[in-house]
Protein backbone atom coordinates (compact mmCIF):
# COMPACT_ATOMS: atom_id res chain seq x y z
CA MET A 1 11.76 12.99 -54.11
CA LYS A 2 13.14 9.64 -55.23
CA PRO A 3 11.51 8.55 -58.49
CA HIS A 4 10.60 5.07 -57.18
CA ILE A 5 8.46 6.61 -54.46
CA MET A 6 6.33 8.58 -56.97
CA ARG A 7 4.35 5.79 -58.55
CA GLY A 8 1.39 7.95 -59.41
CA VAL A 9 -0.40 6.91 -56.25
CA ARG A 10 -1.58 9.85 -54.28
CA GLY A 11 -5.05 9.23 -53.02
CA GLY A 12 -6.32 9.76 -49.56
CA ILE A 13 -8.18 12.89 -50.29
CA ALA A 14 -10.26 13.82 -47.37
CA ILE A 15 -13.24 16.16 -47.56
CA ALA A 16 -12.90 19.51 -45.80
CA VAL A 17 -16.36 20.21 -44.43
CA LEU A 18 -17.50 23.49 -42.95
CA GLY A 19 -18.67 23.03 -39.40
CA ALA A 20 -20.80 25.20 -37.19
CA LEU A 21 -17.81 27.33 -36.29
CA GLY A 22 -19.26 30.82 -36.53
CA TRP A 23 -18.40 33.63 -38.89
CA LEU A 24 -15.10 35.17 -39.83
CA ALA A 25 -14.74 38.94 -39.92
CA GLY A 26 -12.06 40.98 -41.56
CA CYS A 27 -11.31 39.06 -44.76
CA SER A 28 -9.83 41.21 -47.50
CA ASP A 29 -9.62 40.41 -51.18
CA ASN A 30 -6.61 41.99 -52.84
CA PRO A 31 -5.82 41.70 -56.56
CA ALA A 32 -3.43 38.80 -55.95
CA GLY A 33 -6.15 36.87 -54.14
CA VAL A 34 -4.26 36.74 -50.86
CA ALA A 35 -6.23 37.65 -47.77
CA SER A 36 -4.58 38.99 -44.62
CA VAL A 37 -6.93 37.20 -42.19
CA ARG A 38 -8.20 33.63 -42.48
CA SER A 39 -9.83 31.27 -40.03
CA PHE A 40 -10.10 27.75 -41.42
CA ALA A 41 -12.93 25.38 -40.59
CA ALA A 42 -11.10 22.51 -42.33
CA VAL A 43 -8.47 21.79 -44.97
CA SER A 44 -8.11 19.11 -47.64
CA ALA A 45 -4.62 17.88 -48.54
CA GLY A 46 -4.29 16.76 -52.14
CA GLY A 47 -1.48 15.45 -54.32
CA ILE A 48 0.72 18.54 -54.37
CA HIS A 49 -1.73 21.27 -53.46
CA THR A 50 -4.09 21.99 -50.59
CA CYS A 51 -7.48 23.65 -50.27
CA GLY A 52 -9.38 24.91 -47.27
CA VAL A 53 -12.72 26.43 -46.45
CA THR A 54 -13.10 29.18 -43.89
CA ALA A 55 -15.83 29.71 -41.35
CA ALA A 56 -17.09 32.43 -43.69
CA ARG A 57 -17.46 29.78 -46.45
CA ASP A 58 -14.63 31.17 -48.57
CA ALA A 59 -12.43 28.64 -50.39
CA TYR A 60 -8.64 29.06 -50.54
CA CYS A 61 -5.99 26.86 -52.12
CA TRP A 62 -2.17 26.79 -52.20
CA GLY A 63 0.65 24.78 -53.78
CA HIS A 64 1.07 23.62 -57.39
CA ASN A 65 -1.04 25.50 -59.96
CA LEU A 66 0.01 24.47 -63.45
CA TYR A 67 -3.54 23.31 -64.24
CA GLY A 68 -5.38 25.97 -62.29
CA GLU A 69 -6.04 23.59 -59.41
CA LEU A 70 -5.83 26.51 -56.98
CA GLY A 71 -8.91 28.01 -58.62
CA VAL A 72 -7.03 30.95 -60.11
CA ASP A 73 -5.72 31.41 -63.64
CA PRO A 74 -2.18 29.92 -63.65
CA THR A 75 -0.99 32.70 -65.95
CA THR A 76 -1.78 35.23 -63.22
CA THR A 77 -0.26 33.30 -60.30
CA SER A 78 2.21 35.62 -58.61
CA GLU A 79 4.74 32.90 -57.69
CA THR A 80 6.61 30.16 -59.53
CA CYS A 81 8.29 26.98 -58.37
CA PRO A 82 11.16 25.22 -60.20
CA GLY A 83 9.94 22.52 -62.57
CA ALA A 84 11.79 20.03 -64.76
CA GLY A 85 11.18 22.19 -67.83
CA GLY A 86 11.41 25.57 -66.10
CA PRO A 87 9.43 27.64 -63.61
CA LEU A 88 5.84 26.53 -62.99
CA PRO A 89 2.99 28.49 -61.38
CA CYS A 90 2.45 27.86 -57.68
CA SER A 91 1.60 29.65 -54.48
CA THR A 92 3.26 29.10 -51.12
CA VAL A 93 0.43 30.94 -49.35
CA PRO A 94 -3.36 30.59 -49.59
CA VAL A 95 -5.08 32.30 -52.53
CA ARG A 96 -8.83 32.68 -52.82
CA VAL A 97 -10.64 30.54 -55.36
CA ALA A 98 -12.06 32.69 -58.15
CA GLY A 99 -15.75 33.40 -58.50
CA ARG A 100 -16.53 34.48 -54.94
CA ARG A 101 -18.81 31.48 -54.40
CA SER A 102 -19.74 30.40 -50.92
CA PHE A 103 -18.54 26.83 -50.35
CA ALA A 104 -19.66 24.41 -47.67
CA ALA A 105 -16.92 21.88 -48.48
CA VAL A 106 -13.81 21.51 -50.62
CA SER A 107 -11.76 18.50 -51.68
CA ALA A 108 -8.26 18.69 -53.19
CA GLY A 109 -7.33 15.92 -55.62
CA PHE A 110 -4.28 15.37 -57.79
CA LEU A 111 -3.96 18.52 -59.94
CA TYR A 112 -7.64 19.45 -59.52
CA SER A 113 -10.14 20.41 -56.84
CA CYS A 114 -13.87 20.30 -56.20
CA GLY A 115 -16.25 21.99 -53.82
CA ILE A 116 -19.93 22.10 -52.99
CA THR A 117 -22.03 25.09 -52.08
CA ALA A 118 -24.46 25.15 -49.16
CA PRO A 119 -27.38 24.16 -51.46
CA GLY A 120 -25.31 21.16 -52.61
CA VAL A 121 -24.24 22.39 -56.06
CA ALA A 122 -20.86 20.94 -57.07
CA TYR A 123 -18.08 22.84 -58.82
CA CYS A 124 -14.65 21.61 -59.89
CA TRP A 125 -11.50 23.24 -61.30
CA GLY A 126 -8.04 22.28 -62.55
CA ASN A 127 -6.97 19.34 -64.69
CA ASP A 128 -9.79 17.74 -66.70
CA VAL A 129 -8.03 15.51 -69.22
CA GLU A 130 -9.87 12.46 -67.88
CA GLY A 131 -13.17 14.27 -67.33
CA GLN A 132 -12.69 14.50 -63.56
CA LEU A 133 -14.27 17.97 -63.40
CA GLY A 134 -17.59 16.44 -64.42
CA ASP A 135 -18.79 19.27 -66.64
CA GLY A 136 -19.16 17.19 -69.79
CA SER A 137 -15.85 18.28 -71.29
CA THR A 138 -12.16 17.48 -70.95
CA SER A 139 -11.09 21.11 -70.89
CA ILE A 140 -8.74 22.31 -68.16
CA SER A 141 -10.24 25.16 -66.14
CA GLY A 142 -8.50 27.59 -63.79
CA THR A 143 -11.85 28.68 -62.39
CA PRO A 144 -14.74 26.63 -60.95
CA VAL A 145 -17.09 24.98 -63.46
CA ALA A 146 -20.42 23.44 -62.50
CA VAL A 147 -20.65 19.65 -62.44
CA ALA A 148 -23.30 18.47 -64.90
CA GLY A 149 -26.54 16.76 -63.96
CA ASN A 150 -28.14 19.22 -61.53
CA LEU A 151 -27.31 16.94 -58.61
CA ARG A 152 -27.63 18.06 -55.01
CA LEU A 153 -24.65 16.72 -53.12
CA SER A 154 -23.97 16.46 -49.42
CA SER A 155 -20.28 15.63 -49.96
CA VAL A 156 -17.66 15.30 -52.68
CA SER A 157 -14.41 13.34 -52.76
CA THR A 158 -11.58 13.72 -55.26
CA GLY A 159 -8.90 11.23 -56.27
CA ASP A 160 -6.18 11.32 -58.88
CA TYR A 161 -8.31 11.15 -62.01
CA HIS A 162 -11.88 10.52 -60.85
CA THR A 163 -14.38 12.08 -58.48
CA CYS A 164 -17.40 10.85 -56.55
CA GLY A 165 -20.23 12.70 -54.89
CA LEU A 166 -22.92 11.67 -52.44
CA THR A 167 -26.40 13.05 -53.04
CA THR A 168 -28.70 14.14 -50.26
CA ASN A 169 -30.75 10.96 -50.78
CA GLY A 170 -27.73 8.66 -50.38
CA THR A 171 -26.95 7.86 -54.02
CA VAL A 172 -23.29 7.96 -55.09
CA TYR A 173 -22.36 9.34 -58.50
CA CYS A 174 -18.85 9.24 -59.96
CA TRP A 175 -17.11 10.72 -62.99
CA GLY A 176 -13.71 10.78 -64.70
CA ARG A 177 -11.31 7.99 -65.58
CA ASN A 178 -12.65 4.45 -65.30
CA ASP A 179 -9.92 2.05 -66.45
CA ASN A 180 -10.36 -0.13 -63.38
CA GLY A 181 -14.08 0.36 -62.80
CA GLU A 182 -13.52 3.09 -60.23
CA LEU A 183 -16.75 4.84 -61.28
CA GLY A 184 -18.66 1.80 -60.04
CA ASN A 185 -21.29 1.75 -62.78
CA GLY A 186 -20.52 -1.75 -64.04
CA SER A 187 -18.29 -0.63 -66.90
CA THR A 188 -14.77 0.62 -67.58
CA THR A 189 -15.88 3.47 -69.83
CA TRP A 190 -14.70 6.94 -68.86
CA SER A 191 -17.36 9.57 -68.22
CA SER A 192 -17.04 13.35 -68.12
CA THR A 193 -20.46 13.60 -66.44
CA PRO A 194 -21.73 11.90 -63.27
CA VAL A 195 -22.89 8.29 -63.51
CA ALA A 196 -24.72 6.45 -60.74
CA VAL A 197 -22.89 3.68 -58.90
CA ALA A 198 -24.49 0.32 -59.64
CA GLY A 199 -26.30 -1.87 -57.13
CA GLY A 200 -28.98 0.44 -55.80
CA LEU A 201 -27.27 0.85 -52.43
CA THR A 202 -27.87 3.87 -50.23
CA PHE A 203 -24.74 5.34 -48.67
CA SER A 204 -23.94 7.78 -45.89
CA ALA A 205 -20.35 8.61 -46.93
CA VAL A 206 -18.01 8.13 -49.89
CA SER A 207 -14.22 8.30 -50.21
CA VAL A 208 -12.12 8.23 -53.38
CA GLY A 209 -8.64 6.72 -53.68
CA TYR A 210 -6.13 6.62 -56.51
CA ASP A 211 -7.99 4.25 -58.83
CA TYR A 212 -10.77 2.94 -56.63
CA SER A 213 -13.61 4.17 -54.45
CA CYS A 214 -15.30 3.13 -51.21
CA ALA A 215 -18.51 4.03 -49.42
CA VAL A 216 -20.30 3.13 -46.21
CA THR A 217 -24.02 2.63 -45.66
CA ALA A 218 -26.04 4.09 -42.82
CA ASP A 219 -25.87 0.77 -40.97
CA GLY A 220 -22.07 0.65 -41.24
CA ALA A 221 -21.59 -1.78 -44.13
CA ALA A 222 -18.54 -0.92 -46.25
CA TYR A 223 -18.34 -1.39 -50.01
CA CYS A 224 -15.51 -0.67 -52.47
CA TRP A 225 -15.04 -0.80 -56.24
CA GLY A 226 -12.32 -0.25 -58.84
CA SER A 227 -8.74 -1.52 -58.83
CA ASN A 228 -8.05 -4.26 -56.30
CA LEU A 229 -4.27 -4.41 -56.57
CA ALA A 230 -2.86 -5.56 -53.22
CA GLY A 231 -6.40 -6.05 -51.91
CA ARG A 232 -7.37 -2.41 -51.52
CA LEU A 233 -11.09 -3.24 -51.93
CA GLY A 234 -10.90 -5.33 -48.76
CA ASN A 235 -13.07 -8.21 -49.95
CA GLY A 236 -10.45 -10.91 -49.45
CA SER A 237 -9.34 -11.01 -53.09
CA THR A 238 -7.21 -9.02 -55.52
CA VAL A 239 -9.70 -9.09 -58.40
CA SER A 240 -10.86 -5.65 -59.53
CA SER A 241 -14.57 -4.85 -59.67
CA SER A 242 -16.54 -2.26 -61.65
CA SER A 243 -19.42 -2.43 -59.16
CA PRO A 244 -19.49 -2.35 -55.35
CA VAL A 245 -18.23 -5.39 -53.43
CA ALA A 246 -18.67 -5.83 -49.69
CA VAL A 247 -15.63 -5.40 -47.48
CA ALA A 248 -14.89 -8.66 -45.66
CA GLY A 249 -14.93 -9.22 -41.92
CA GLY A 250 -18.44 -8.22 -40.94
CA LEU A 251 -17.25 -5.03 -39.27
CA SER A 252 -19.50 -2.00 -38.88
CA PHE A 253 -17.81 1.26 -39.84
CA THR A 254 -18.74 4.86 -39.15
CA ALA A 255 -16.21 6.25 -41.64
CA LEU A 256 -13.82 5.14 -44.38
CA ALA A 257 -10.64 6.75 -45.71
CA THR A 258 -9.06 5.77 -49.02
CA GLY A 259 -5.40 6.35 -49.91
CA GLY A 260 -3.04 5.63 -52.74
CA ALA A 261 -3.51 1.88 -52.51
CA HIS A 262 -4.78 1.27 -49.00
CA THR A 263 -8.02 1.85 -47.13
CA CYS A 264 -8.86 2.36 -43.48
CA GLY A 265 -12.12 2.22 -41.57
CA LEU A 266 -13.23 3.45 -38.17
CA THR A 267 -15.72 1.58 -36.00
CA SER A 268 -18.20 3.16 -33.62
CA ALA A 269 -15.95 2.06 -30.75
CA GLY A 270 -13.06 4.06 -32.21
CA ALA A 271 -11.09 1.04 -33.43
CA ALA A 272 -9.13 1.51 -36.66
CA TYR A 273 -8.81 -1.21 -39.29
CA CYS A 274 -6.83 -0.98 -42.53
CA TRP A 275 -6.33 -3.11 -45.64
CA GLY A 276 -4.53 -3.07 -48.99
CA LEU A 277 -0.93 -2.22 -49.86
CA ASN A 278 1.44 -2.13 -46.88
CA LEU A 279 4.99 -1.91 -48.28
CA GLU A 280 5.63 1.25 -46.28
CA GLY A 281 3.78 0.31 -43.11
CA GLN A 282 0.69 2.34 -43.99
CA LEU A 283 -1.69 -0.24 -42.50
CA GLY A 284 -0.18 0.30 -39.05
CA VAL A 285 -0.16 -3.38 -38.12
CA GLY A 286 3.50 -3.69 -37.10
CA SER A 287 4.63 -5.26 -40.38
CA THR A 288 4.91 -4.50 -44.10
CA THR A 289 2.67 -7.36 -45.19
CA SER A 290 -0.23 -6.33 -47.42
CA ASN A 291 -3.73 -7.55 -46.53
CA SER A 292 -6.83 -8.02 -48.69
CA SER A 293 -9.20 -7.83 -45.72
CA PRO A 294 -9.38 -5.52 -42.69
CA VAL A 295 -6.73 -5.88 -39.98
CA ALA A 296 -6.67 -4.00 -36.69
CA VAL A 297 -4.22 -1.12 -36.36
CA ALA A 298 -1.66 -1.83 -33.63
CA GLY A 299 -1.50 0.00 -30.32
CA GLY A 300 -5.07 -0.23 -29.11
CA LEU A 301 -5.69 3.48 -29.61
CA SER A 302 -9.22 4.84 -29.87
CA PHE A 303 -9.69 7.28 -32.74
CA THR A 304 -12.42 9.72 -33.71
CA ALA A 305 -11.18 10.30 -37.28
CA LEU A 306 -8.79 8.78 -39.82
CA ALA A 307 -6.98 10.26 -42.82
CA THR A 308 -5.11 8.31 -45.50
CA GLY A 309 -2.41 9.65 -47.82
CA GLY A 310 -0.35 8.24 -50.64
CA ALA A 311 1.41 5.77 -48.35
CA HIS A 312 0.75 7.00 -44.83
CA THR A 313 -2.18 7.18 -42.44
CA CYS A 314 -3.08 9.42 -39.52
CA GLY A 315 -5.66 9.25 -36.76
CA LEU A 316 -7.11 11.66 -34.23
CA THR A 317 -8.07 10.81 -30.67
CA SER A 318 -10.97 12.39 -28.79
CA ALA A 319 -8.44 14.63 -27.02
CA GLY A 320 -7.21 15.98 -30.36
CA ALA A 321 -3.91 14.08 -30.26
CA ALA A 322 -2.63 13.09 -33.70
CA PHE A 323 -0.89 9.82 -34.51
CA CYS A 324 0.53 8.80 -37.90
CA TRP A 325 2.13 5.73 -39.47
CA GLY A 326 3.57 4.63 -42.81
CA ASN A 327 6.02 6.39 -45.14
CA ASN A 328 8.05 9.20 -43.55
CA LEU A 329 10.43 10.04 -46.40
CA LEU A 330 9.46 13.73 -46.36
CA GLY A 331 8.48 14.03 -42.71
CA GLN A 332 4.76 13.45 -43.30
CA LEU A 333 4.40 11.57 -40.01
CA GLY A 334 5.25 14.76 -38.13
CA VAL A 335 7.64 13.12 -35.67
CA GLY A 336 10.34 15.79 -35.97
CA THR A 337 12.56 13.91 -38.39
CA ALA A 338 12.52 12.30 -41.84
CA THR A 339 15.05 9.60 -40.92
CA GLY A 340 12.91 7.14 -38.99
CA PRO A 341 11.57 5.97 -36.66
CA GLU A 342 11.86 2.65 -38.56
CA SER A 343 13.16 1.56 -41.96
CA CYS A 344 10.95 -0.25 -44.44
CA PRO A 345 12.49 -2.21 -47.35
CA TYR A 346 11.19 -0.73 -50.57
CA ASP A 347 12.21 -1.27 -54.20
CA GLN A 348 15.73 -2.52 -53.42
CA THR A 349 16.34 0.22 -50.89
CA GLU A 350 14.99 1.28 -47.51
CA ILE A 351 12.87 4.26 -46.59
CA PRO A 352 12.07 5.90 -43.24
CA CYS A 353 8.72 4.71 -41.96
CA SER A 354 6.72 3.55 -38.98
CA THR A 355 4.70 0.35 -39.06
CA VAL A 356 2.76 1.38 -35.94
CA PRO A 357 1.11 4.65 -34.86
CA VAL A 358 3.53 7.26 -33.52
CA PRO A 359 2.50 10.58 -31.93
CA VAL A 360 2.81 13.76 -34.00
CA SER A 361 5.23 16.12 -32.25
CA GLY A 362 4.68 19.78 -31.43
CA GLY A 363 1.92 19.52 -28.88
CA VAL A 364 -0.79 20.83 -31.22
CA SER A 365 -4.33 19.58 -30.60
CA PHE A 366 -6.38 19.09 -33.76
CA ALA A 367 -10.10 19.07 -34.51
CA THR A 368 -9.76 17.71 -38.07
CA MET A 369 -7.02 16.16 -40.21
CA SER A 370 -6.34 15.44 -43.87
CA ALA A 371 -3.52 13.42 -45.44
CA GLY A 372 -2.14 14.24 -48.88
CA TYR A 373 0.30 12.39 -51.11
CA ALA A 374 3.36 12.97 -48.91
CA TYR A 375 2.21 15.51 -46.38
CA THR A 376 -0.45 16.05 -43.74
CA CYS A 377 -2.59 18.96 -42.55
CA GLY A 378 -4.81 19.62 -39.58
CA VAL A 379 -7.03 22.34 -38.16
CA THR A 380 -7.28 23.19 -34.47
CA ALA A 381 -10.43 24.01 -32.54
CA ALA A 382 -9.28 27.63 -32.73
CA ARG A 383 -9.43 27.32 -36.56
CA ALA A 384 -5.68 27.56 -37.15
CA ALA A 385 -4.39 25.36 -39.99
CA TYR A 386 -1.11 23.47 -39.75
CA CYS A 387 0.68 21.29 -42.30
CA TRP A 388 3.85 19.15 -42.36
CA GLY A 389 5.78 16.92 -44.75
CA GLY A 390 6.78 17.52 -48.38
CA ASN A 391 6.64 21.15 -49.47
CA TYR A 392 8.34 21.36 -52.87
CA TRP A 393 5.35 23.12 -54.43
CA GLY A 394 4.40 25.20 -51.40
CA GLN A 395 1.59 22.82 -50.47
CA LEU A 396 2.17 23.41 -46.75
CA GLY A 397 1.11 27.04 -47.19
CA ASP A 398 3.70 28.51 -44.82
CA GLY A 399 5.21 30.88 -47.36
CA THR A 400 8.22 28.63 -48.07
CA ARG A 401 9.14 25.54 -50.07
CA THR A 402 10.93 23.90 -47.14
CA ASP A 403 9.88 20.43 -46.00
CA ARG A 404 8.61 20.47 -42.42
CA TYR A 405 8.93 17.61 -39.98
CA THR A 406 6.56 19.00 -37.35
CA PRO A 407 3.24 20.86 -37.69
CA THR A 408 3.84 24.32 -39.17
CA ARG A 409 1.22 27.07 -39.26
CA VAL A 410 -0.37 27.88 -42.60
CA VAL A 411 -0.06 31.60 -43.29
CA PRO A 412 -3.17 33.14 -41.68
């Protein structure tokens, strides 16, 4: 990957939530943690690793594992991938998260992961230098550790260095790095334990980006906080905020998705709007002009779900058709090539991109999607997981380290 593309922005970590998809029979747990049969309810694409939860509520992860972000001790990982200083632990196939806990949801961040159990207890594992695991320490953990505070969460969302969770009563708590106010508690002080977002608002969903966070209320009002570089908070300015600010435009959203430096929202009518950084066409508006307030995605498509990555975005239609737009340097748009369909000027060069939604090739119909830093994953109604895009660390889970330009099946 070209160094100028890796600006530390990953973001776009979608929550993989277990649906009412039945029970999985036949899972086996061998010493290496690799099971021979898996049926995924959903997957969560992170920075350079992926996690998924099965219909049987088992959590599996694959990809980079230097910090134990796969939920297994990196010293016992059976594979290695070439790193700048030598081989680094990784897994090109799913491995089961240690501890045999039953998870209702998982979220893969940048070098760490979190999950919640059916009762709403949150656990995190992996890198913790900024306190993003939320256990009151800054100690890296290759196995799940309980998030402090005895909170009962309905969802959790991971970013690069901070995490947010939504309680069952609609309060958002965040923890980790806070240089730009991304914890939303009115300060820029880091916290290794959950702190309540200021303002007394009640939310129905929360999504964490690289260095900012967003949430939506039950009546569809969107709020964001943290870094506002390129207008990613969507309030018509570029001034950062350590407490929630209302997204401009008066739109009512049913869901929000946060990426590296851009945000997208979905209305009840299925219309997609995006705002923030747009150098690689990730807003999908037919240009590379950044916007500090919501703009409609081109094409007039009606979506049921959105997923934002480091610099690309994807949407699902009611028929399960996937469309993506933005950066395509590693094939993350899934159009069968990494050389187009357009070129976007970027940092004195040009990169393959699309400034408007383009259909993902392969003819696979998806029930859920998740966009990682430079790759994308989806799960079909038949519970088969597919991924495409960058695969240097095995984050596509197909048993190789080969980049894929069309949806490729995760090893079942």
